[in-house]
Amino acid sequence: MKTGTLFLIPNTLGLCETQQTSLLSTIIPDAVQQMSSQLGYLVAENAKTTRAYLKFLSQQHPLRLAMQEIQIQELNINTPAQALEGLLQPLLQGHDVGLISEAGVPAVADPGANLVRLAHSKGIAVRPLVGPSSLLLALMGSGLNGQSFAFHGYLPTDAALRAKRIKELEDRSRKEKQTQLLIETPYRNAAMLEALATQCQPSTLICVATDLTLASEAIRTLTAAEWKKKLAASQAPDFHKKPTVFLFLAT
């Protein structure tokens, strides 16, 4: 039996139902919306929010199946490795399956990468679809080095360990002329910017990119010294509890 295709379905970075559905096409290509609306099997980080996205999507492209007929299985950080085989069963039975993230593109800073790797080992075709990546959008808008960059995810929450890691990454950035990308739990954004501004050399460039693709989007690149002055003057970015990407480049 021919296996199905694992489609990597992009999600918005925060588009909500109160916004016009016509705005969706500025973020997710129409052909990708059409493909997503036809799938009867999905693997998602969160089934509830995925159904909300499908409901929003259906206003532009009617779903092939009724919402209650679409099978959604969850894959997140709590999913045991031994459960991945089961998630591939519809594909092995010839059905196409969509892997969708909570926001942005699947398998990048996302637990879906393990499922994609397993699919390759089973000879299952994998097809990534075009959509928004907060990491690449932040890099594009930062003005920092887009020829050499590295994403490190979350830094330690312990202040001393975080400071040590920032110093290590700044040294690497200086030696390799490489942009460093980080993310943080949104309610700790202020602590992250404070740590970067304090631990980095004054001339190191730091970019803060918040709410990318949303009406409240803000991207600002300043030196560590300039950020330190702004923080001292209580002029921090409006990024409390908002998804934010941090980038820096030692000069």
Protein backbone atom coordinates (compact mmCIF):
# COMPACT_ATOMS: atom_id res chain seq x y z
CA MET A 1 0.00 0.00 0.00
CA LYS A 2 1.25 3.48 -0.86
CA THR A 3 1.94 5.62 2.20
CA GLY A 4 0.46 9.05 2.70
CA THR A 5 2.39 12.33 2.80
CA LEU A 6 3.26 14.16 6.01
CA PHE A 7 2.46 17.82 5.34
CA LEU A 8 4.11 20.37 7.64
CA ILE A 9 1.34 22.92 8.10
CA PRO A 10 2.29 26.49 9.09
CA ASN A 11 0.16 28.34 11.62
CA THR A 12 -0.17 32.06 12.25
CA LEU A 13 1.96 33.75 14.91
CA GLY A 14 -1.10 34.96 16.77
CA LEU A 15 -3.91 35.83 14.34
CA CYS A 16 -7.19 35.72 16.25
CA GLU A 17 -10.84 35.31 15.30
CA THR A 18 -11.61 38.99 15.85
CA GLN A 19 -9.41 39.90 12.89
CA GLN A 20 -10.66 39.86 9.31
CA THR A 21 -10.23 36.53 7.58
CA SER A 22 -8.90 38.40 4.54
CA LEU A 23 -5.76 39.15 6.59
CA LEU A 24 -5.02 35.44 6.75
CA SER A 25 -3.83 35.42 3.13
CA THR A 26 -1.12 37.98 3.98
CA ILE A 27 0.36 35.46 6.44
CA ILE A 28 -0.54 32.00 5.10
CA PRO A 29 -0.48 31.50 1.28
CA ASP A 30 -3.86 30.66 -0.20
CA ALA A 31 -2.62 27.35 -1.63
CA VAL A 32 -1.45 26.32 1.86
CA GLN A 33 -4.83 27.24 3.34
CA GLN A 34 -6.54 25.13 0.67
CA MET A 35 -4.29 22.13 1.38
CA SER A 36 -4.84 22.45 5.13
CA SER A 37 -8.62 22.50 4.71
CA GLN A 38 -8.60 19.15 2.90
CA LEU A 39 -6.82 17.06 5.55
CA GLY A 40 -8.72 14.60 7.70
CA TYR A 41 -5.82 13.74 10.02
CA LEU A 42 -3.74 16.22 12.02
CA VAL A 43 -0.99 15.99 14.61
CA ALA A 44 -0.96 19.12 16.76
CA GLU A 45 0.56 20.56 19.90
CA ASN A 46 -2.90 21.40 21.22
CA ALA A 47 -6.14 19.99 19.81
CA LYS A 48 -8.34 22.80 21.15
CA THR A 49 -6.38 25.65 19.60
CA THR A 50 -6.00 23.69 16.37
CA ARG A 51 -9.78 23.37 16.09
CA ALA A 52 -10.05 27.13 16.65
CA TYR A 53 -7.57 27.70 13.81
CA LEU A 54 -9.49 25.33 11.52
CA LYS A 55 -12.72 27.18 12.33
CA PHE A 56 -11.06 30.46 11.35
CA LEU A 57 -9.56 28.88 8.23
CA SER A 58 -12.93 27.45 7.17
CA GLN A 59 -14.30 30.96 6.69
CA GLN A 60 -12.01 31.22 3.67
CA HIS A 61 -11.87 27.56 2.61
CA PRO A 62 -14.65 25.13 3.61
CA LEU A 63 -13.27 22.05 5.32
CA ARG A 64 -13.51 18.77 3.40
CA LEU A 65 -14.80 17.03 6.53
CA ALA A 66 -17.00 18.20 9.36
CA MET A 67 -14.94 19.45 12.30
CA GLN A 68 -15.93 16.48 14.48
CA GLU A 69 -14.76 14.06 11.78
CA ILE A 70 -11.23 15.46 11.61
CA GLN A 71 -8.94 13.33 13.75
CA ILE A 72 -6.49 15.41 15.79
CA GLN A 73 -3.80 13.70 17.85
CA GLU A 74 -1.56 15.70 20.16
CA LEU A 75 2.23 15.85 20.06
CA ASN A 76 3.91 18.12 22.59
CA ILE A 77 6.74 18.10 25.10
CA ASN A 78 4.80 15.63 27.27
CA THR A 79 4.37 13.04 24.50
CA PRO A 80 6.50 9.94 25.20
CA ALA A 81 8.85 8.83 22.43
CA GLN A 82 7.13 5.44 22.16
CA ALA A 83 3.88 7.18 21.14
CA LEU A 84 5.34 8.53 17.89
CA GLU A 85 4.89 5.24 16.05
CA GLY A 86 1.15 5.43 16.64
CA LEU A 87 0.97 8.95 15.24
CA LEU A 88 2.32 7.64 11.93
CA GLN A 89 -0.29 4.89 11.53
CA PRO A 90 -2.68 6.89 9.31
CA LEU A 91 0.26 7.65 6.99
CA LEU A 92 1.21 3.98 6.78
CA GLN A 93 -2.43 3.25 5.90
CA GLY A 94 -2.26 5.63 2.95
CA HIS A 95 -3.78 8.78 4.48
CA ASP A 96 -2.19 12.22 4.27
CA VAL A 97 -1.50 13.82 7.65
CA GLY A 98 -0.79 17.43 8.62
CA LEU A 99 1.66 18.34 11.38
CA ILE A 100 0.76 21.75 12.80
CA SER A 101 2.50 23.84 15.45
CA GLU A 102 0.92 26.19 17.98
CA ALA A 103 2.48 29.10 16.11
CA GLY A 104 4.70 29.47 13.07
CA VAL A 105 6.21 26.50 11.27
CA PRO A 106 6.36 22.92 12.59
CA ALA A 107 9.58 21.16 13.60
CA VAL A 108 11.52 24.42 14.21
CA ALA A 109 11.74 25.16 17.94
CA ASP A 110 8.90 22.63 18.07
CA PRO A 111 8.51 19.00 19.23
CA GLY A 112 7.38 17.91 15.76
CA ALA A 113 10.96 17.39 14.56
CA ASN A 114 11.09 13.92 16.12
CA LEU A 115 8.00 12.83 14.20
CA VAL A 116 9.48 14.14 10.95
CA ARG A 117 12.70 12.19 11.57
CA LEU A 118 10.73 9.01 12.23
CA ALA A 119 8.67 9.55 9.08
CA HIS A 120 11.87 9.68 7.02
CA SER A 121 13.04 6.42 8.57
CA LYS A 122 9.77 4.80 7.46
CA GLY A 123 10.08 6.05 3.89
CA ILE A 124 7.17 8.46 4.31
CA ALA A 125 7.23 11.54 2.07
CA VAL A 126 7.55 14.82 3.98
CA ARG A 127 6.35 18.07 2.44
CA PRO A 128 7.02 21.37 4.26
CA LEU A 129 4.62 24.17 3.33
CA VAL A 130 5.38 27.89 3.26
CA GLY A 131 4.43 29.97 6.28
CA PRO A 132 5.70 32.44 8.90
CA SER A 133 8.77 31.69 11.01
CA SER A 134 9.24 34.15 13.87
CA LEU A 135 12.97 33.34 13.93
CA LEU A 136 13.59 34.20 10.28
CA LEU A 137 11.30 37.23 10.36
CA ALA A 138 13.17 38.55 13.39
CA LEU A 139 16.52 37.94 11.70
CA MET A 140 15.32 39.69 8.54
CA GLY A 141 14.17 42.73 10.49
CA SER A 142 17.11 42.96 12.87
CA GLY A 143 19.81 44.24 10.54
CA LEU A 144 22.20 41.72 12.08
CA ASN A 145 24.25 39.11 10.21
CA GLY A 146 21.93 36.92 8.17
CA GLN A 147 24.80 34.98 6.60
CA SER A 148 25.80 33.26 9.83
CA PHE A 149 23.41 32.73 12.72
CA ALA A 150 22.48 30.20 15.41
CA PHE A 151 19.30 29.57 17.40
CA HIS A 152 19.73 28.51 21.03
CA GLY A 153 16.16 28.35 22.32
CA TYR A 154 15.80 29.14 26.01
CA LEU A 155 18.66 30.17 28.29
CA PRO A 156 18.90 29.01 31.92
CA THR A 157 16.46 30.73 34.28
CA ASP A 158 19.06 30.88 37.05
CA ALA A 159 20.61 34.36 36.85
CA ALA A 160 24.22 33.23 37.31
CA LEU A 161 23.96 30.42 34.77
CA ARG A 162 22.17 32.70 32.32
CA ALA A 163 24.88 35.35 32.64
CA LYS A 164 27.56 32.73 32.02
CA ARG A 165 25.75 31.46 28.92
CA ILE A 166 25.31 34.96 27.52
CA LYS A 167 29.04 35.57 27.87
CA GLU A 168 29.80 32.28 26.09
CA LEU A 169 27.47 33.12 23.22
CA GLU A 170 28.81 36.66 22.95
CA ASP A 171 32.36 35.30 22.65
CA ARG A 172 31.19 32.95 19.93
CA SER A 173 29.38 35.77 18.16
CA ARG A 174 32.50 37.92 18.21
CA LYS A 175 34.83 35.17 16.98
CA GLU A 176 32.52 33.89 14.23
CA LYS A 177 30.69 37.15 13.43
CA GLN A 178 27.55 35.13 14.08
CA THR A 179 24.10 36.40 15.10
CA GLN A 180 22.72 34.61 18.18
CA LEU A 181 18.94 34.03 18.45
CA LEU A 182 17.07 33.32 21.69
CA ILE A 183 13.50 33.03 22.91
CA GLU A 184 12.04 33.37 26.38
CA THR A 185 8.81 32.62 28.19
CA PRO A 186 6.85 35.86 27.54
CA TYR A 187 6.46 36.85 31.18
CA ARG A 188 10.26 36.76 31.58
CA ASN A 189 11.03 39.04 28.62
CA ALA A 190 12.04 41.95 30.86
CA ALA A 191 14.51 39.79 32.77
CA MET A 192 16.05 38.55 29.52
CA LEU A 193 16.57 42.02 28.07
CA GLU A 194 18.00 43.23 31.39
CA ALA A 195 20.46 40.32 31.41
CA LEU A 196 21.54 40.93 27.80
CA ALA A 197 21.97 44.67 28.31
CA THR A 198 23.96 44.10 31.51
CA GLN A 199 26.12 41.13 30.51
CA CYS A 200 26.97 42.03 26.91
CA GLN A 201 29.74 44.45 25.96
CA PRO A 202 28.43 48.01 25.42
CA SER A 203 28.91 47.84 21.64
CA THR A 204 27.12 44.52 21.14
CA LEU A 205 23.98 44.96 19.04
CA ILE A 206 20.78 43.60 20.58
CA CYS A 207 17.49 43.26 18.73
CA VAL A 208 14.08 42.77 20.35
CA ALA A 209 11.37 41.53 17.95
CA THR A 210 7.86 41.29 19.40
CA ASP A 211 4.44 40.19 18.07
CA LEU A 212 5.74 39.55 14.57
CA THR A 213 3.08 39.78 11.80
CA LEU A 214 0.54 41.24 14.27
CA ALA A 215 -0.78 44.80 14.38
CA SER A 216 1.33 45.36 17.53
CA GLU A 217 4.57 44.20 15.84
CA ALA A 218 7.71 45.98 17.06
CA ILE A 219 11.36 45.40 16.07
CA ARG A 220 14.18 47.48 17.54
CA THR A 221 17.96 47.06 17.35
CA LEU A 222 20.21 49.07 19.69
CA THR A 223 23.58 48.56 21.32
CA ALA A 224 23.72 47.02 24.79
CA ALA A 225 24.72 50.42 26.16
CA GLU A 226 21.69 52.08 24.56
CA TRP A 227 19.33 49.41 25.87
CA LYS A 228 20.84 49.80 29.33
CA LYS A 229 20.10 53.55 29.27
CA LYS A 230 16.53 52.96 28.14
CA LEU A 231 15.92 50.41 30.88
CA ALA A 232 17.36 52.77 33.47
CA ALA A 233 14.92 55.42 32.22
CA SER A 234 11.98 52.97 32.43
CA GLN A 235 11.68 52.89 28.63
CA ALA A 236 11.52 49.13 28.14
CA PRO A 237 9.71 47.79 25.06
CA ASP A 238 6.03 46.95 25.33
CA PHE A 239 6.66 43.21 25.39
CA HIS A 240 5.28 41.92 28.68
CA LYS A 241 3.62 38.53 28.06
CA LYS A 242 4.08 38.95 24.29
CA PRO A 243 5.97 36.44 22.10
CA THR A 244 9.44 37.89 21.54
CA VAL A 245 12.64 36.86 19.78
CA PHE A 246 15.96 38.21 21.08
CA LEU A 247 18.99 38.50 18.80
CA PHE A 248 22.48 39.85 19.39
CA LEU A 249 25.69 40.31 17.46
CA ALA A 250 29.04 41.21 19.03
CA THR A 251 30.83 43.89 17.00
